[in-house]
C-alpha atoms as a PDB file:
ATOM      1  CA  MET A   1     177.863 158.528 -42.226  1.00  0.00           C
ATOM      2  CA  THR A   2     176.749 161.786 -40.636  1.00  0.00           C
ATOM      3  CA  ILE A   3     174.135 162.333 -43.340  1.00  0.00           C
ATOM      4  CA  LEU A   4     172.660 158.909 -42.663  1.00  0.00           C
ATOM      5  CA  PHE A   5     172.765 159.603 -38.937  1.00  0.00           C
ATOM      6  CA  ARG A   6     170.965 162.930 -39.413  1.00  0.00           C
ATOM      7  CA  MET A   7     168.367 161.376 -41.692  1.00  0.00           C
ATOM      8  CA  ALA A   8     167.767 158.614 -39.159  1.00  0.00           C
ATOM      9  CA  ARG A   9     167.334 161.238 -36.410  1.00  0.00           C
ATOM     10  CA  LEU A  10     164.864 163.198 -38.532  1.00  0.00           C
ATOM     11  CA  LEU A  11     162.904 160.069 -39.367  1.00  0.00           C
ATOM     12  CA  ARG A  12     162.872 159.045 -35.711  1.00  0.00           C
ATOM     13  CA  ALA A  13     161.678 162.525 -34.698  1.00  0.00           C
ATOM     14  CA  ASP A  14     158.903 162.406 -37.296  1.00  0.00           C
ATOM     15  CA  ILE A  15     157.804 159.000 -36.060  1.00  0.00           C
ATOM     16  CA  HIS A  16     157.791 160.250 -32.460  1.00  0.00           C
ATOM     17  CA  ALA A  17     155.750 163.294 -33.474  1.00  0.00           C
ATOM     18  CA  LEU A  18     153.287 161.054 -35.280  1.00  0.00           C
ATOM     19  CA  LEU A  19     153.010 158.775 -32.240  1.00  0.00           C
ATOM     20  CA  ASP A  20     152.500 161.777 -29.968  1.00  0.00           C
ATOM     21  CA  ARG A  21     149.676 162.939 -32.193  1.00  0.00           C
ATOM     22  CA  PHE A  22     148.004 159.517 -31.991  1.00  0.00           C
ATOM     23  CA  GLU A  23     148.505 159.195 -28.237  1.00  0.00           C
ATOM     24  CA  ALA A  24     146.574 162.392 -27.450  1.00  0.00           C
ATOM     25  CA  PRO A  25     148.900 164.047 -24.932  1.00  0.00           C
ATOM     26  CA  ASP A  26     146.007 165.813 -23.213  1.00  0.00           C
ATOM     27  CA  LEU A  27     144.469 162.435 -22.359  1.00  0.00           C
ATOM     28  CA  ILE A  28     147.800 161.116 -21.119  1.00  0.00           C
ATOM     29  CA  LEU A  29     148.255 164.218 -18.980  1.00  0.00           C
ATOM     30  CA  SER A  30     144.778 163.923 -17.458  1.00  0.00           C
ATOM     31  CA  GLN A  31     145.405 160.215 -16.783  1.00  0.00           C
ATOM     32  CA  ALA A  32     148.693 161.068 -15.052  1.00  0.00           C
ATOM     33  CA  LEU A  33     146.862 163.651 -12.934  1.00  0.00           C
ATOM     34  CA  ARG A  34     144.235 161.075 -11.930  1.00  0.00           C
ATOM     35  CA  GLU A  35     146.905 158.529 -11.020  1.00  0.00           C
ATOM     36  CA  MET A  36     148.788 161.081  -8.911  1.00  0.00           C
ATOM     37  CA  GLU A  37     145.544 162.050  -7.143  1.00  0.00           C
ATOM     38  CA  GLN A  38     144.786 158.385  -6.447  1.00  0.00           C
ATOM     39  CA  ALA A  39     148.286 157.818  -5.068  1.00  0.00           C
ATOM     40  CA  LEU A  40     147.902 160.897  -2.886  1.00  0.00           C
ATOM     41  CA  ASP A  41     144.530 159.607  -1.632  1.00  0.00           C
ATOM     42  CA  ARG A  42     146.113 156.244  -0.783  1.00  0.00           C
ATOM     43  CA  ASP A  43     148.890 158.034   1.108  1.00  0.00           C
ATOM     44  CA  ARG A  44     146.328 160.084   3.030  1.00  0.00           C
ATOM     45  CA  GLN A  45     144.407 156.926   3.924  1.00  0.00           C
ATOM     46  CA  GLU A  46     147.646 155.352   5.123  1.00  0.00           C
ATOM     47  CA  LEU A  47     148.355 158.476   7.182  1.00  0.00           C
ATOM     48  CA  ALA A  48     144.885 158.229   8.762  1.00  0.00           C
ATOM     49  CA  ARG A  49     145.581 154.573   9.619  1.00  0.00           C
ATOM     50  CA  LEU A  50     148.914 155.530  11.188  1.00  0.00           C
ATOM     51  CA  GLU A  51     147.190 158.256  13.212  1.00  0.00           C
ATOM     52  CA  ARG A  52     144.688 155.684  14.539  1.00  0.00           C
ATOM     53  CA  GLU A  53     147.571 153.384  15.489  1.00  0.00           C
ATOM     54  CA  SER A  54     149.349 156.278  17.156  1.00  0.00           C
ATOM     55  CA  ARG A  55     146.247 157.020  19.241  1.00  0.00           C
ATOM     56  CA  TRP A  56     146.005 153.335  20.168  1.00  0.00           C
ATOM     57  CA  PHE A  57     149.633 153.344  21.342  1.00  0.00           C
ATOM     58  CA  ALA A  58     149.012 156.514  23.386  1.00  0.00           C
ATOM     59  CA  GLU A  59     145.912 154.981  25.001  1.00  0.00           C
ATOM     60  CA  ARG A  60     147.780 151.743  25.724  1.00  0.00           C
ATOM     61  CA  GLU A  61     150.678 153.660  27.290  1.00  0.00           C
ATOM     62  CA  ALA A  62     148.267 155.622  29.507  1.00  0.00           C
ATOM     63  CA  GLU A  63     146.585 152.384  30.557  1.00  0.00           C
ATOM     64  CA  LEU A  64     149.941 150.790  31.405  1.00  0.00           C
ATOM     65  CA  GLN A  65     150.898 153.844  33.484  1.00  0.00           C
ATOM     66  CA  ARG A  66     147.608 153.600  35.392  1.00  0.00           C
ATOM     67  CA  LEU A  67     148.219 149.897  36.036  1.00  0.00           C
ATOM     68  CA  ALA A  68     151.766 150.660  37.206  1.00  0.00           C
ATOM     69  CA  ARG A  69     150.406 153.171  39.762  1.00  0.00           C
ATOM     70  CA  ASP A  70     147.861 150.612  40.982  1.00  0.00           C
ATOM     71  CA  GLU A  71     150.549 147.931  41.281  1.00  0.00           C
ATOM     72  CA  GLU A  72     152.809 150.317  43.177  1.00  0.00           C
ATOM     73  CA  GLY A  73     150.054 150.800  45.755  1.00  0.00           C
ATOM     74  CA  ALA A  74     149.426 147.041  45.923  1.00  0.00           C
ATOM     75  CA  LEU A  75     153.158 146.402  46.377  1.00  0.00           C
ATOM     76  CA  THR A  76     153.303 148.887  49.246  1.00  0.00           C
ATOM     77  CA  ASP A  77     150.299 147.206  50.904  1.00  0.00           C
ATOM     78  CA  CYS A  78     151.878 143.734  50.502  1.00  0.00           C
ATOM     79  CA  LEU A  79     155.199 144.867  51.974  1.00  0.00           C
ATOM     80  CA  VAL A  80     153.506 146.605  54.923  1.00  0.00           C
ATOM     81  CA  ALA A  81     151.451 143.447  55.599  1.00  0.00           C
ATOM     82  CA  GLY A  82     154.546 141.245  55.323  1.00  0.00           C
ATOM     83  CA  GLN A  83     153.100 139.240  52.437  1.00  0.00           C
ATOM     84  CA  ASP A  84     156.276 138.508  50.467  1.00  0.00           C
ATOM     85  CA  ASP A  85     154.601 135.903  48.225  1.00  0.00           C
ATOM     86  CA  LEU A  86     151.952 138.423  47.135  1.00  0.00           C
ATOM     87  CA  ALA A  87     154.648 141.090  46.758  1.00  0.00           C
ATOM     88  CA  ARG A  88     156.563 138.781  44.379  1.00  0.00           C
ATOM     89  CA  SER A  89     153.523 138.328  42.117  1.00  0.00           C
ATOM     90  CA  VAL A  90     152.943 142.112  42.107  1.00  0.00           C
ATOM     91  CA  ILE A  91     156.609 142.682  41.239  1.00  0.00           C
ATOM     92  CA  ARG A  92     156.334 140.099  38.441  1.00  0.00           C
ATOM     93  CA  ARG A  93     153.287 141.935  37.008  1.00  0.00           C
ATOM     94  CA  ARG A  94     155.101 145.260  37.365  1.00  0.00           C
ATOM     95  CA  LEU A  95     158.129 143.942  35.454  1.00  0.00           C
ATOM     96  CA  GLU A  96     155.822 142.576  32.742  1.00  0.00           C
ATOM     97  CA  ARG A  97     154.091 145.966  32.497  1.00  0.00           C
ATOM     98  CA  GLU A  98     157.435 147.755  32.256  1.00  0.00           C
ATOM     99  CA  ARG A  99     158.439 145.511  29.351  1.00  0.00           C
ATOM    100  CA  GLN A 100     155.064 146.064  27.708  1.00  0.00           C
ATOM    101  CA  ALA A 101     155.434 149.804  28.216  1.00  0.00           C
ATOM    102  CA  GLU A 102     158.871 149.733  26.579  1.00  0.00           C
ATOM    103  CA  SER A 103     157.455 147.776  23.652  1.00  0.00           C
ATOM    104  CA  VAL A 104     154.596 150.283  23.344  1.00  0.00           C
ATOM    105  CA  ARG A 105     157.065 153.201  23.407  1.00  0.00           C
ATOM    106  CA  ARG A 106     159.149 151.587  20.643  1.00  0.00           C
ATOM    107  CA  GLY A 107     156.013 150.952  18.586  1.00  0.00           C
ATOM    108  CA  ALA A 108     154.837 154.536  19.088  1.00  0.00           C
ATOM    109  CA  ALA A 109     158.262 155.866  18.092  1.00  0.00           C
ATOM    110  CA  GLY A 110     158.244 153.715  14.943  1.00  0.00           C
ATOM    111  CA  ILE A 111     154.756 154.924  14.039  1.00  0.00           C
ATOM    112  CA  ALA A 112     155.769 158.547  14.668  1.00  0.00           C
ATOM    113  CA  GLU A 113     158.810 158.151  12.410  1.00  0.00           C
ATOM    114  CA  THR A 114     156.738 156.523   9.667  1.00  0.00           C
ATOM    115  CA  ARG A 115     154.077 159.237   9.975  1.00  0.00           C
ATOM    116  CA  ALA A 116     156.670 162.001   9.703  1.00  0.00           C
ATOM    117  CA  GLY A 117     158.143 160.428   6.562  1.00  0.00           C
ATOM    118  CA  LEU A 118     154.707 159.949   5.030  1.00  0.00           C
ATOM    119  CA  GLU A 119     153.715 163.539   5.847  1.00  0.00           C
ATOM    120  CA  ARG A 120     156.853 164.778   4.066  1.00  0.00           C
ATOM    121  CA  GLU A 121     156.074 162.548   1.097  1.00  0.00           C
ATOM    122  CA  ILE A 122     152.465 163.777   0.962  1.00  0.00           C
ATOM    123  CA  ALA A 123     153.644 167.383   1.052  1.00  0.00           C
ATOM    124  CA  ALA A 124     156.114 166.725  -1.772  1.00  0.00           C
ATOM    125  CA  ARG A 125     153.528 164.861  -3.857  1.00  0.00           C
ATOM    126  CA  SER A 126     150.961 167.595  -3.261  1.00  0.00           C
ATOM    127  CA  GLY A 127     153.476 170.148  -4.514  1.00  0.00           C
ATOM    128  CA  ARG A 128     154.258 168.062  -7.592  1.00  0.00           C
ATOM    129  CA  LEU A 129     150.542 167.569  -8.230  1.00  0.00           C
ATOM    130  CA  ALA A 130     149.918 171.310  -7.981  1.00  0.00           C
ATOM    131  CA  GLU A 131     152.777 171.939 -10.418  1.00  0.00           C
ATOM    132  CA  LEU A 132     151.426 169.330 -12.813  1.00  0.00           C
ATOM    133  CA  ARG A 133     147.934 170.830 -12.598  1.00  0.00           C
ATOM    134  CA  ALA A 134     149.382 174.252 -13.374  1.00  0.00           C
ATOM    135  CA  GLN A 135     151.276 172.808 -16.332  1.00  0.00           C
ATOM    136  CA  ALA A 136     148.115 171.054 -17.522  1.00  0.00           C
ATOM    137  CA  ALA A 137     146.149 174.291 -17.295  1.00  0.00           C
ATOM    138  CA  LEU A 138     148.889 176.093 -19.194  1.00  0.00           C
ATOM    139  CA  HIS A 139     148.950 173.296 -21.765  1.00  0.00           C
ATOM    140  CA  GLU A 140     145.190 173.575 -22.254  1.00  0.00           C
ATOM    141  CA  GLU A 141     145.411 177.350 -22.645  1.00  0.00           C
ATOM    142  CA  THR A 142     148.288 177.298 -25.107  1.00  0.00           C
ATOM    143  CA  GLN A 143     147.353 174.181 -27.018  1.00  0.00           C
ATOM    144  CA  VAL A 144     147.039 174.964 -30.715  1.00  0.00           C
ATOM    145  CA  GLU A 145     144.656 172.733 -32.601  1.00  0.00           C
ATOM    146  CA  ASP A 146     146.053 170.965 -35.610  1.00  0.00           C
ATOM    147  CA  PRO A 147     144.100 172.387 -38.569  1.00  0.00           C
ATOM    148  CA  MET A 148     144.193 169.007 -40.315  1.00  0.00           C
ATOM    149  CA  HIS A 149     142.797 167.113 -37.321  1.00  0.00           C
ATOM    150  CA  PRO A 150     139.162 166.036 -37.869  1.00  0.00           C
ATOM    151  CA  ARG A 151     138.082 167.761 -34.637  1.00  0.00           C
ATOM    152  CA  ALA A 152     139.360 171.047 -36.050  1.00  0.00           C
ATOM    153  CA  PHE A 153     136.735 171.144 -38.810  1.00  0.00           C
ATOM    154  CA  ASP A 154     133.614 172.981 -37.761  1.00  0.00           C
ATOM    155  CA  LEU A 155     131.301 172.593 -40.737  1.00  0.00           C
ATOM    156  CA  ASP A 156     128.861 175.213 -39.454  1.00  0.00           C
ATOM    157  CA  ALA A 157     131.624 177.795 -39.203  1.00  0.00           C
ATOM    158  CA  VAL A 158     132.887 176.931 -42.688  1.00  0.00           C
ATOM    159  CA  SER A 159     129.443 177.117 -44.307  1.00  0.00           C
ATOM    160  CA  VAL A 160     128.542 180.538 -42.868  1.00  0.00           C
ATOM    161  CA  VAL A 161     129.033 183.233 -45.516  1.00  0.00           C
ATOM    162  CA  ARG A 162     129.419 186.729 -44.165  1.00  0.00           C
ATOM    163  CA  ASP A 163     128.191 189.877 -45.906  1.00  0.00           C
ATOM    164  CA  ALA A 164     131.764 191.081 -46.263  1.00  0.00           C
ATOM    165  CA  ASP A 165     132.661 187.894 -48.156  1.00  0.00           C
ATOM    166  CA  VAL A 166     129.761 188.521 -50.558  1.00  0.00           C
ATOM    167  CA  GLU A 167     130.832 192.136 -51.125  1.00  0.00           C
ATOM    168  CA  ILE A 168     134.440 191.139 -51.812  1.00  0.00           C
ATOM    169  CA  ALA A 169     133.328 188.468 -54.277  1.00  0.00           C
ATOM    170  CA  LEU A 170     131.055 191.007 -56.020  1.00  0.00           C
ATOM    171  CA  LEU A 171     133.896 193.536 -56.365  1.00  0.00           C
ATOM    172  CA  ARG A 172     136.201 190.874 -57.792  1.00  0.00           C
ATOM    173  CA  ALA A 173     133.545 189.777 -60.284  1.00  0.00           C
ATOM    174  CA  LYS A 174     132.982 193.380 -61.415  1.00  0.00           C
ATOM    175  CA  ARG A 175     136.727 193.949 -61.819  1.00  0.00           C
ATOM    176  CA  ALA A 176     137.104 190.725 -63.803  1.00  0.00           C
ATOM    177  CA  ARG A 177     134.202 191.744 -66.053  1.00  0.00           C
ATOM    178  CA  GLU A 178     135.629 195.236 -66.625  1.00  0.00           C
ATOM    179  CA  SER A 179     139.040 193.842 -67.493  1.00  0.00           C
ATOM    180  CA  ARG A 180     137.459 191.597 -70.151  1.00  0.00           C
ATOM    181  CA  SER A 181     135.527 194.441 -71.699  1.00  0.00           C
END
């Protein structure tokens, strides 16, 4: 049983090695790098969108604060003039603004939390991408070409005969001739 198990493991390993050779790991690695870069770009675009929303919330909060100051002055004027009906409408607007301001603060807090999480994720992905790029560079440097792979055959390099090769062949021919004589 163990012999069959070992043979099956060896066969499976050979099949995996053959598949790896056909899949071109360098192409798979470069594709993975491109996909990680695209995901990182999408995250950065999302972060830019969140920053725009954050600015909008800040502008809206500032506008609501300005309106609250204006309404406070109007309320004071209404109370001094004894205009209770006008004071009620100003108070109603002030209460509406306070609720809007609370909603804006909650929205801004949610955006800030989402931004912080996305910034952490971008930092982590950037680190992983840098590591993967370093591994890819190391893989390219240390990759040994398979001598039987068709790309490994450089016909020009094979057909070039050096002077040293000619001299060695001449010496061998002379030695073979002398041994026959």
